[in-house]
Amino acid sequence: MKYECGFVENVRQWDWPSSPVGYLRDVVTAEAPRLETRFRACWTKEALHIRYECQDDHIVATMTSRDDSLYEEDVVEVFIDPFGGGTTYYEFEISPRGVLFDALIHNSLQGKIDVDRSWTANGFQAKVTPGTEEGWLIYEAEIPFADLEDVGVPEPGTVWHWNVFRIDDDREGVRHYSAWSPTGKVNFHISQQFKELVFVKE
C-alpha cells in the first residue's frame, strides 16, 4: 500500500483533483466510515502539502491554542516517519478552527509512547475553508521539509512512511476514528501499520 506524492512547482496554482485521492476507513474494522474523508498530497522544493476533504455534519472544536489536546475533539492528523522503523516520527494535527498541534513521537513499539510537544515545526501552517458542496470542510496543510530535523528535501523516488487519520464526534457524542491504513484498534500510534509515501516527479 503506497501513496504516490507528485511534485508541483507552485502549489497555489495546483489543480488538486489531479493528485491521487486516498480514502479513510474505520480504524478498527476498515469499513466505510459514517462520513467520508478524502485526502490528496503533493510536494514542492520546500514542503509537503496535504489536502483533506471532510464531510462534516457536526463540528466540535473549542480549543484555541497551539498544541492543545486537539485529539479530544474533531481533528485531522498525519503521522510522518522519514526514518523508517516506526520508532521516531512526527505528528501533525489540525482542528476545524485551524488550530495546530505538532509533536515529535518516540515509540518503543511495545506500547510506550513519548509525545514531545515542545518540538515545533515553525513553518507548519494550515487553513480550513468550507467546501463547494454543503456539509464539507477543506483542510490544507503545509509542512516544510526544513522543519523536519536531520531529514532534508526528498529526492524523486524517496520513500517515507506515514498514515493519515481523522477523529469526528457525531451529534450523540459518539467518537468516530478513521485512518488511511487501519490499525485494528482505536490507537493511531501503531506505526507498524504506516504505509509508503513515495515522492515522484514526472
Protein backbone atom coordinates (compact mmCIF):
# COMPACT_ATOMS: atom_id res chain seq x y z
CA MET A 1 0.00 0.00 0.00
CA LYS A 2 1.51 3.29 -1.04
CA TYR A 3 0.64 6.86 -1.93
CA GLU A 4 2.48 8.44 -4.85
CA CYS A 5 3.01 12.11 -4.00
CA GLY A 6 3.64 14.21 -7.09
CA PHE A 7 5.96 17.19 -7.40
CA VAL A 8 4.49 20.60 -8.29
CA GLU A 9 6.24 23.89 -8.96
CA ASN A 10 3.60 26.13 -7.39
CA VAL A 11 1.02 24.62 -5.06
CA ARG A 12 -1.12 27.76 -5.17
CA GLN A 13 -1.75 27.15 -8.84
CA TRP A 14 -2.14 23.39 -8.47
CA ASP A 15 -5.27 21.61 -9.64
CA TRP A 16 -5.82 19.38 -6.61
CA PRO A 17 -8.09 16.87 -8.38
CA SER A 18 -5.00 15.97 -10.45
CA SER A 19 -3.41 14.42 -7.35
CA PRO A 20 -4.24 10.80 -6.45
CA VAL A 21 -7.02 10.54 -3.90
CA GLY A 22 -6.88 8.42 -0.76
CA TYR A 23 -9.86 7.47 1.39
CA LEU A 24 -10.04 6.96 5.13
CA ARG A 25 -11.72 3.88 6.58
CA ASP A 26 -12.84 2.91 10.06
CA VAL A 27 -9.65 2.49 12.06
CA VAL A 28 -10.78 -0.82 13.61
CA THR A 29 -12.98 -2.55 11.03
CA ALA A 30 -11.61 -0.98 7.80
CA GLU A 31 -15.22 -0.43 6.70
CA ALA A 32 -16.54 2.80 5.19
CA PRO A 33 -16.89 5.43 7.95
CA ARG A 34 -20.07 7.31 8.82
CA LEU A 35 -18.81 10.37 6.96
CA GLU A 36 -16.44 10.40 4.02
CA THR A 37 -12.88 11.69 4.29
CA ARG A 38 -10.65 12.06 1.25
CA PHE A 39 -7.07 13.30 1.11
CA ARG A 40 -4.54 14.26 -1.53
CA ALA A 41 -0.89 15.26 -1.26
CA CYS A 42 1.85 16.87 -3.33
CA TRP A 43 5.30 18.33 -2.71
CA THR A 44 7.36 21.32 -3.73
CA LYS A 45 11.05 22.10 -3.22
CA GLU A 46 10.14 23.49 0.18
CA ALA A 47 7.30 21.49 1.69
CA LEU A 48 4.86 18.61 1.79
CA HIS A 49 1.28 19.72 1.15
CA ILE A 50 -1.76 17.73 2.24
CA ARG A 51 -5.39 18.49 1.45
CA TYR A 52 -8.20 16.83 3.41
CA GLU A 53 -11.77 16.87 2.11
CA CYS A 54 -14.09 16.05 5.01
CA GLN A 55 -17.81 15.53 5.05
CA ASP A 56 -18.97 17.02 8.35
CA ASP A 57 -22.44 17.46 9.81
CA HIS A 58 -21.47 18.40 13.38
CA ILE A 59 -18.32 20.29 14.38
CA VAL A 60 -16.79 20.02 17.84
CA ALA A 61 -13.87 22.42 18.17
CA THR A 62 -13.46 24.63 21.23
CA MET A 63 -9.67 24.70 21.65
CA THR A 64 -7.77 27.79 20.56
CA SER A 65 -4.08 27.38 21.44
CA ARG A 66 -1.31 25.60 19.58
CA ASP A 67 -0.54 22.16 20.99
CA ASP A 68 -3.81 21.96 22.88
CA SER A 69 -5.07 18.36 23.02
CA LEU A 70 -6.91 18.68 19.72
CA TYR A 71 -7.39 14.90 19.51
CA GLU A 72 -10.03 15.19 22.25
CA GLU A 73 -12.33 16.92 19.71
CA ASP A 74 -12.73 16.90 15.92
CA VAL A 75 -9.38 16.79 14.16
CA VAL A 76 -7.47 15.62 11.11
CA GLU A 77 -3.98 14.19 11.61
CA VAL A 78 -0.94 12.91 9.77
CA PHE A 79 1.96 10.91 11.22
CA ILE A 80 5.16 11.11 9.15
CA ASP A 81 8.15 8.81 9.56
CA PRO A 82 11.02 9.77 7.22
CA PHE A 83 13.45 7.48 9.06
CA GLY A 84 11.71 4.10 8.79
CA GLY A 85 11.28 1.66 11.64
CA GLY A 86 8.36 3.44 13.29
CA THR A 87 10.26 4.40 16.45
CA THR A 88 10.63 8.13 15.68
CA TYR A 89 8.07 10.13 13.75
CA TYR A 90 6.27 13.46 13.56
CA GLU A 91 2.63 14.10 14.43
CA PHE A 92 0.67 16.98 12.91
CA GLU A 93 -2.94 17.85 13.69
CA ILE A 94 -5.42 20.49 12.53
CA SER A 95 -8.75 21.34 14.14
CA PRO A 96 -11.78 22.67 12.22
CA ARG A 97 -10.86 26.09 13.65
CA GLY A 98 -7.42 25.88 12.06
CA VAL A 99 -5.65 25.36 15.39
CA LEU A 100 -2.40 23.40 15.07
CA PHE A 101 -0.70 20.65 17.04
CA ASP A 102 2.76 19.29 16.31
CA ALA A 103 4.94 16.87 18.23
CA LEU A 104 7.90 14.55 17.92
CA ILE A 105 6.98 10.98 18.83
CA HIS A 106 9.22 8.27 20.26
CA ASN A 107 7.55 4.87 20.11
CA SER A 108 9.05 1.79 21.79
CA LEU A 109 6.85 -0.45 19.60
CA GLN A 110 5.97 -2.22 22.86
CA GLY A 111 3.24 0.19 23.96
CA LYS A 112 5.32 3.05 25.39
CA ILE A 113 4.73 6.34 23.56
CA ASP A 114 6.60 9.55 24.38
CA VAL A 115 4.95 12.67 22.90
CA ASP A 116 7.31 15.65 22.86
CA ARG A 117 5.04 18.67 22.50
CA SER A 118 8.00 21.02 23.00
CA TRP A 119 9.12 20.18 19.46
CA THR A 120 7.81 22.76 16.98
CA ALA A 121 7.70 22.93 13.21
CA ASN A 122 7.94 26.70 12.90
CA GLY A 123 6.73 26.79 9.31
CA PHE A 124 3.84 24.37 9.74
CA GLN A 125 0.65 26.12 8.68
CA ALA A 126 -2.87 25.25 7.61
CA LYS A 127 -6.15 26.77 6.59
CA VAL A 128 -9.67 25.39 6.84
CA THR A 129 -12.43 26.52 4.48
CA PRO A 130 -15.93 25.33 3.56
CA GLY A 131 -16.09 23.02 0.59
CA THR A 132 -18.00 23.81 -2.60
CA GLU A 133 -20.54 21.20 -1.52
CA GLU A 134 -22.62 21.92 1.57
CA GLY A 135 -21.54 19.95 4.61
CA TRP A 136 -17.86 19.63 3.64
CA LEU A 137 -14.71 21.16 5.10
CA ILE A 138 -11.40 21.52 3.28
CA TYR A 139 -8.16 21.43 5.29
CA GLU A 140 -4.92 22.41 3.55
CA ALA A 141 -1.67 21.78 5.41
CA GLU A 142 1.89 22.84 4.59
CA ILE A 143 4.77 21.05 6.34
CA PRO A 144 8.20 22.50 5.43
CA PHE A 145 11.00 19.99 4.98
CA ALA A 146 13.35 22.41 6.75
CA ASP A 147 11.41 21.84 9.97
CA LEU A 148 12.00 18.08 9.93
CA GLU A 149 15.29 17.60 11.74
CA ASP A 150 18.01 15.55 10.01
CA VAL A 151 15.73 14.81 7.06
CA GLY A 152 16.29 17.29 4.25
CA VAL A 153 14.43 17.68 0.99
CA PRO A 154 13.40 14.36 -0.55
CA GLU A 155 14.60 13.34 -3.99
CA PRO A 156 12.31 11.78 -6.59
CA GLY A 157 11.96 8.16 -5.57
CA THR A 158 12.45 8.84 -1.86
CA VAL A 159 10.15 6.72 0.31
CA TRP A 160 8.92 7.79 3.73
CA HIS A 161 6.29 6.06 5.86
CA TRP A 162 3.10 7.70 7.05
CA ASN A 163 -0.54 7.37 7.99
CA VAL A 164 -3.47 9.78 7.73
CA PHE A 165 -6.24 9.98 10.34
CA ARG A 166 -9.42 11.71 11.38
CA ILE A 167 -11.42 11.89 14.61
CA ASP A 168 -15.03 13.07 14.37
CA ASP A 169 -17.72 13.45 17.02
CA ASP A 170 -21.35 12.95 15.98
CA ARG A 171 -24.38 14.72 17.44
CA GLU A 172 -24.85 11.99 20.06
CA GLY A 173 -21.28 12.44 21.30
CA VAL A 174 -20.04 9.19 19.77
CA ARG A 175 -16.46 9.45 18.55
CA HIS A 176 -15.56 8.04 15.13
CA TYR A 177 -11.96 7.18 14.27
CA SER A 178 -10.75 6.64 10.73
CA ALA A 179 -7.42 6.00 9.03
CA TRP A 180 -5.94 5.57 5.58
CA SER A 181 -4.21 2.41 6.86
CA PRO A 182 -6.47 0.99 9.60
CA THR A 183 -4.63 -0.16 12.72
CA GLY A 184 -7.19 -2.68 14.00
CA LYS A 185 -7.86 -0.79 17.23
CA VAL A 186 -8.61 2.73 18.45
CA ASN A 187 -4.94 3.60 18.58
CA PHE A 188 -3.25 5.68 15.89
CA HIS A 189 0.24 5.01 17.27
CA ILE A 190 0.60 1.56 15.76
CA SER A 191 3.43 2.56 13.48
CA GLN A 192 3.77 -0.97 12.13
CA GLN A 193 0.71 -0.04 10.04
CA PHE A 194 2.33 3.01 8.48
CA LYS A 195 2.48 2.69 4.69
CA GLU A 196 4.64 4.19 1.96
CA LEU A 197 4.68 7.84 0.95
CA VAL A 198 6.58 7.89 -2.35
CA PHE A 199 7.88 11.20 -3.71
CA VAL A 200 7.59 11.20 -7.51
CA LYS A 201 8.50 13.72 -10.19
CA GLU A 202 7.50 13.25 -13.79
